[in-house]
Amino acid sequence: MSQFTIQEQFNNYLSLLNKIHNIDQDIDALINEVEIADLQDKRALSKKRLKRVSDELISSLTDMGNKYPIHNYLAGQTTYLFVLDGKLSFEYH
């Protein structure tokens, strides 16, 4: 189980998703292959961190055993997190 709260873990998860999305947009906008390669490396590192954060979040939620309400700052609403078949699942309200 993580040392961070579910909310902190989810905020980190969203932050990494947003970072990966922004890097993808930067890659699409660039022509210079050296800059593209650098961004691809950053994206790969972020995806590895996202996998680790996702695994920790799934572990924490599995230990809790039920749906957990958190504030989804990207959606601006309450999101319920839970684990379904070993995968992170979301329910919006």
N, C-alpha and C. Protein backbone atom coordinates (compact mmCIF):
# COMPACT_ATOMS: atom_id res chain seq x y z
N MET A 1 0.85 -1.18 0.00
CA MET A 1 0.00 0.00 0.00
C MET A 1 0.89 1.24 0.00
N SER A 2 0.45 2.25 -0.70
CA SER A 2 1.23 3.47 -0.85
C SER A 2 1.20 4.31 0.42
N GLN A 3 2.22 5.15 0.56
CA GLN A 3 2.27 6.09 1.68
C GLN A 3 1.42 7.32 1.41
N PHE A 4 0.92 7.46 0.19
CA PHE A 4 0.11 8.61 -0.19
C PHE A 4 -1.37 8.27 -0.10
N THR A 5 -2.21 9.30 0.09
CA THR A 5 -3.65 9.08 0.11
C THR A 5 -4.12 8.73 -1.29
N ILE A 6 -5.32 8.17 -1.37
CA ILE A 6 -5.90 7.85 -2.68
C ILE A 6 -6.00 9.13 -3.52
N GLN A 7 -6.42 10.24 -2.90
CA GLN A 7 -6.53 11.51 -3.63
C GLN A 7 -5.18 11.93 -4.19
N GLU A 8 -4.12 11.84 -3.37
CA GLU A 8 -2.78 12.22 -3.84
C GLU A 8 -2.32 11.30 -4.97
N GLN A 9 -2.59 10.02 -4.84
CA GLN A 9 -2.20 9.08 -5.89
C GLN A 9 -2.95 9.38 -7.19
N PHE A 10 -4.25 9.67 -7.07
CA PHE A 10 -5.03 9.97 -8.26
C PHE A 10 -4.59 11.28 -8.90
N ASN A 11 -4.29 12.29 -8.09
CA ASN A 11 -3.79 13.55 -8.63
C ASN A 11 -2.49 13.33 -9.39
N ASN A 12 -1.61 12.49 -8.85
CA ASN A 12 -0.36 12.16 -9.52
C ASN A 12 -0.65 11.42 -10.84
N TYR A 13 -1.59 10.50 -10.80
CA TYR A 13 -2.00 9.74 -12.00
C TYR A 13 -2.48 10.70 -13.09
N LEU A 14 -3.39 11.63 -12.72
CA LEU A 14 -3.90 12.60 -13.69
C LEU A 14 -2.80 13.52 -14.22
N SER A 15 -1.92 13.93 -13.33
CA SER A 15 -0.82 14.80 -13.73
C SER A 15 0.07 14.11 -14.77
N LEU A 16 0.36 12.84 -14.55
CA LEU A 16 1.19 12.10 -15.50
C LEU A 16 0.47 11.90 -16.83
N LEU A 17 -0.82 11.59 -16.78
CA LEU A 17 -1.59 11.46 -18.02
C LEU A 17 -1.56 12.77 -18.82
N ASN A 18 -1.74 13.88 -18.11
CA ASN A 18 -1.72 15.18 -18.76
C ASN A 18 -0.34 15.49 -19.34
N LYS A 19 0.71 15.15 -18.60
CA LYS A 19 2.08 15.38 -19.07
C LYS A 19 2.35 14.58 -20.35
N ILE A 20 1.94 13.32 -20.36
CA ILE A 20 2.13 12.48 -21.55
C ILE A 20 1.37 13.05 -22.73
N HIS A 21 0.14 13.49 -22.49
CA HIS A 21 -0.67 14.08 -23.56
C HIS A 21 0.01 15.34 -24.13
N ASN A 22 0.52 16.20 -23.25
CA ASN A 22 1.19 17.42 -23.70
C ASN A 22 2.46 17.11 -24.48
N ILE A 23 3.21 16.10 -24.04
CA ILE A 23 4.42 15.70 -24.77
C ILE A 23 4.05 15.19 -26.15
N ASP A 24 2.98 14.41 -26.25
CA ASP A 24 2.52 13.92 -27.55
C ASP A 24 2.18 15.08 -28.48
N GLN A 25 1.53 16.11 -27.94
CA GLN A 25 1.20 17.29 -28.76
C GLN A 25 2.47 18.01 -29.19
N ASP A 26 3.45 18.12 -28.30
CA ASP A 26 4.71 18.76 -28.66
C ASP A 26 5.43 17.98 -29.75
N ILE A 27 5.39 16.67 -29.66
CA ILE A 27 6.03 15.83 -30.68
C ILE A 27 5.38 16.07 -32.03
N ASP A 28 4.06 16.14 -32.05
CA ASP A 28 3.34 16.38 -33.30
C ASP A 28 3.68 17.73 -33.92
N ALA A 29 4.02 18.71 -33.08
CA ALA A 29 4.29 20.07 -33.56
C ALA A 29 5.73 20.26 -34.02
N LEU A 30 6.63 19.34 -33.69
CA LEU A 30 8.04 19.53 -33.98
C LEU A 30 8.46 18.91 -35.31
N ILE A 31 9.50 19.48 -35.87
CA ILE A 31 10.10 18.94 -37.09
C ILE A 31 11.48 18.39 -36.79
N ASN A 32 12.18 18.99 -35.85
CA ASN A 32 13.55 18.61 -35.51
C ASN A 32 13.57 17.22 -34.86
N GLU A 33 14.27 16.29 -35.51
CA GLU A 33 14.29 14.90 -35.03
C GLU A 33 14.98 14.73 -33.68
N VAL A 34 15.97 15.58 -33.38
CA VAL A 34 16.65 15.50 -32.09
C VAL A 34 15.69 15.87 -30.98
N GLU A 35 14.92 16.94 -31.18
CA GLU A 35 13.94 17.35 -30.18
C GLU A 35 12.85 16.29 -30.03
N ILE A 36 12.44 15.69 -31.13
CA ILE A 36 11.42 14.63 -31.08
C ILE A 36 11.94 13.44 -30.27
N ALA A 37 13.16 13.05 -30.52
CA ALA A 37 13.74 11.91 -29.79
C ALA A 37 13.81 12.21 -28.29
N ASP A 38 14.18 13.45 -27.94
CA ASP A 38 14.24 13.85 -26.53
C ASP A 38 12.85 13.77 -25.89
N LEU A 39 11.83 14.26 -26.60
CA LEU A 39 10.47 14.21 -26.06
C LEU A 39 9.97 12.77 -25.98
N GLN A 40 10.35 11.93 -26.93
CA GLN A 40 9.94 10.53 -26.88
C GLN A 40 10.55 9.83 -25.66
N ASP A 41 11.79 10.19 -25.33
CA ASP A 41 12.42 9.65 -24.12
C ASP A 41 11.68 10.10 -22.86
N LYS A 42 11.32 11.39 -22.81
CA LYS A 42 10.56 11.92 -21.67
C LYS A 42 9.20 11.24 -21.56
N ARG A 43 8.56 11.01 -22.70
CA ARG A 43 7.26 10.33 -22.69
C ARG A 43 7.41 8.91 -22.18
N ALA A 44 8.44 8.20 -22.60
CA ALA A 44 8.66 6.83 -22.15
C ALA A 44 8.88 6.78 -20.64
N LEU A 45 9.65 7.72 -20.11
CA LEU A 45 9.86 7.78 -18.66
C LEU A 45 8.55 8.08 -17.92
N SER A 46 7.76 9.00 -18.47
CA SER A 46 6.48 9.33 -17.84
C SER A 46 5.54 8.14 -17.87
N LYS A 47 5.56 7.38 -18.94
CA LYS A 47 4.69 6.19 -19.03
C LYS A 47 5.11 5.13 -18.01
N LYS A 48 6.41 5.00 -17.77
CA LYS A 48 6.88 4.06 -16.74
C LYS A 48 6.41 4.52 -15.36
N ARG A 49 6.52 5.82 -15.10
CA ARG A 49 6.04 6.35 -13.81
C ARG A 49 4.54 6.18 -13.68
N LEU A 50 3.82 6.38 -14.78
CA LEU A 50 2.37 6.22 -14.77
C LEU A 50 2.00 4.78 -14.44
N LYS A 51 2.72 3.82 -14.97
CA LYS A 51 2.47 2.40 -14.69
C LYS A 51 2.68 2.12 -13.20
N ARG A 52 3.75 2.66 -12.63
CA ARG A 52 4.05 2.47 -11.21
C ARG A 52 2.96 3.10 -10.34
N VAL A 53 2.58 4.33 -10.68
CA VAL A 53 1.54 5.03 -9.93
C VAL A 53 0.21 4.27 -10.04
N SER A 54 -0.10 3.79 -11.24
CA SER A 54 -1.33 3.02 -11.45
C SER A 54 -1.33 1.76 -10.60
N ASP A 55 -0.22 1.05 -10.58
CA ASP A 55 -0.11 -0.18 -9.78
C ASP A 55 -0.29 0.11 -8.29
N GLU A 56 0.31 1.20 -7.81
CA GLU A 56 0.16 1.58 -6.40
C GLU A 56 -1.28 1.94 -6.08
N LEU A 57 -1.91 2.67 -7.00
CA LEU A 57 -3.30 3.07 -6.80
C LEU A 57 -4.22 1.85 -6.79
N ILE A 58 -3.99 0.92 -7.69
CA ILE A 58 -4.77 -0.32 -7.74
C ILE A 58 -4.59 -1.11 -6.45
N SER A 59 -3.36 -1.18 -5.96
CA SER A 59 -3.08 -1.88 -4.71
C SER A 59 -3.81 -1.23 -3.54
N SER A 60 -3.75 0.09 -3.45
CA SER A 60 -4.42 0.81 -2.37
C SER A 60 -5.93 0.61 -2.43
N LEU A 61 -6.50 0.69 -3.62
CA LEU A 61 -7.94 0.52 -3.77
C LEU A 61 -8.37 -0.91 -3.48
N THR A 62 -7.54 -1.87 -3.87
CA THR A 62 -7.84 -3.27 -3.61
C THR A 62 -7.88 -3.52 -2.11
N ASP A 63 -6.93 -2.93 -1.37
CA ASP A 63 -6.91 -3.07 0.08
C ASP A 63 -8.17 -2.48 0.72
N MET A 64 -8.69 -1.41 0.13
CA MET A 64 -9.89 -0.77 0.68
C MET A 64 -11.15 -1.58 0.36
N GLY A 65 -11.18 -2.19 -0.83
CA GLY A 65 -12.27 -3.08 -1.19
C GLY A 65 -13.58 -2.45 -1.62
N ASN A 66 -13.62 -1.15 -1.82
CA ASN A 66 -14.87 -0.55 -2.30
C ASN A 66 -14.56 0.67 -3.16
N LYS A 67 -15.62 1.29 -3.68
CA LYS A 67 -15.44 2.48 -4.51
C LYS A 67 -15.01 3.64 -3.61
N TYR A 68 -14.07 4.41 -4.11
CA TYR A 68 -13.51 5.50 -3.33
C TYR A 68 -13.77 6.82 -4.04
N PRO A 69 -14.49 7.76 -3.40
CA PRO A 69 -14.76 9.05 -4.04
C PRO A 69 -13.56 9.99 -3.93
N ILE A 70 -13.20 10.59 -5.03
CA ILE A 70 -12.13 11.59 -5.05
C ILE A 70 -12.58 12.77 -5.90
N HIS A 71 -11.91 13.89 -5.74
CA HIS A 71 -12.19 15.04 -6.60
C HIS A 71 -11.30 14.95 -7.83
N ASN A 72 -11.91 14.90 -8.99
CA ASN A 72 -11.20 14.84 -10.26
C ASN A 72 -11.03 16.28 -10.75
N TYR A 73 -9.84 16.85 -10.56
CA TYR A 73 -9.64 18.25 -10.90
C TYR A 73 -9.70 18.52 -12.40
N LEU A 74 -9.42 17.52 -13.24
CA LEU A 74 -9.52 17.73 -14.69
C LEU A 74 -10.98 17.78 -15.12
N ALA A 75 -11.82 16.91 -14.55
CA ALA A 75 -13.23 16.86 -14.91
C ALA A 75 -14.06 17.84 -14.08
N GLY A 76 -13.50 18.31 -12.95
CA GLY A 76 -14.22 19.25 -12.11
C GLY A 76 -15.42 18.61 -11.42
N GLN A 77 -15.32 17.34 -11.10
CA GLN A 77 -16.44 16.65 -10.46
C GLN A 77 -15.93 15.48 -9.63
N THR A 78 -16.84 14.87 -8.88
CA THR A 78 -16.47 13.71 -8.09
C THR A 78 -16.37 12.49 -8.99
N THR A 79 -15.32 11.74 -8.80
CA THR A 79 -15.09 10.50 -9.53
C THR A 79 -14.91 9.39 -8.51
N TYR A 80 -15.56 8.26 -8.76
CA TYR A 80 -15.38 7.11 -7.88
C TYR A 80 -14.37 6.17 -8.52
N LEU A 81 -13.33 5.83 -7.78
CA LEU A 81 -12.31 4.92 -8.25
C LEU A 81 -12.56 3.54 -7.65
N PHE A 82 -12.32 2.51 -8.44
CA PHE A 82 -12.41 1.15 -7.94
C PHE A 82 -11.62 0.24 -8.86
N VAL A 83 -11.39 -0.97 -8.41
CA VAL A 83 -10.65 -1.94 -9.20
C VAL A 83 -11.64 -2.98 -9.71
N LEU A 84 -11.61 -3.21 -11.01
CA LEU A 84 -12.46 -4.20 -11.64
C LEU A 84 -11.59 -5.10 -12.50
N ASP A 85 -11.57 -6.37 -12.19
CA ASP A 85 -10.74 -7.34 -12.90
C ASP A 85 -9.27 -6.93 -12.94
N GLY A 86 -8.80 -6.37 -11.82
CA GLY A 86 -7.40 -6.00 -11.70
C GLY A 86 -7.01 -4.71 -12.41
N LYS A 87 -8.01 -3.97 -12.91
CA LYS A 87 -7.73 -2.73 -13.63
C LYS A 87 -8.41 -1.56 -12.93
N LEU A 88 -7.80 -0.40 -13.05
CA LEU A 88 -8.35 0.82 -12.48
C LEU A 88 -9.60 1.21 -13.27
N SER A 89 -10.68 1.45 -12.54
CA SER A 89 -11.95 1.82 -13.18
C SER A 89 -12.45 3.12 -12.56
N PHE A 90 -13.24 3.84 -13.36
CA PHE A 90 -13.76 5.14 -12.95
C PHE A 90 -15.27 5.16 -13.13
N GLU A 91 -15.92 5.89 -12.23
CA GLU A 91 -17.36 6.12 -12.34
C GLU A 91 -17.57 7.59 -12.01
N TYR A 92 -18.22 8.31 -12.90
CA TYR A 92 -18.40 9.76 -12.72
C TYR A 92 -19.79 10.08 -12.19
N HIS A 93 -19.85 11.03 -11.26
CA HIS A 93 -21.13 11.47 -10.70
C HIS A 93 -21.19 12.97 -10.65
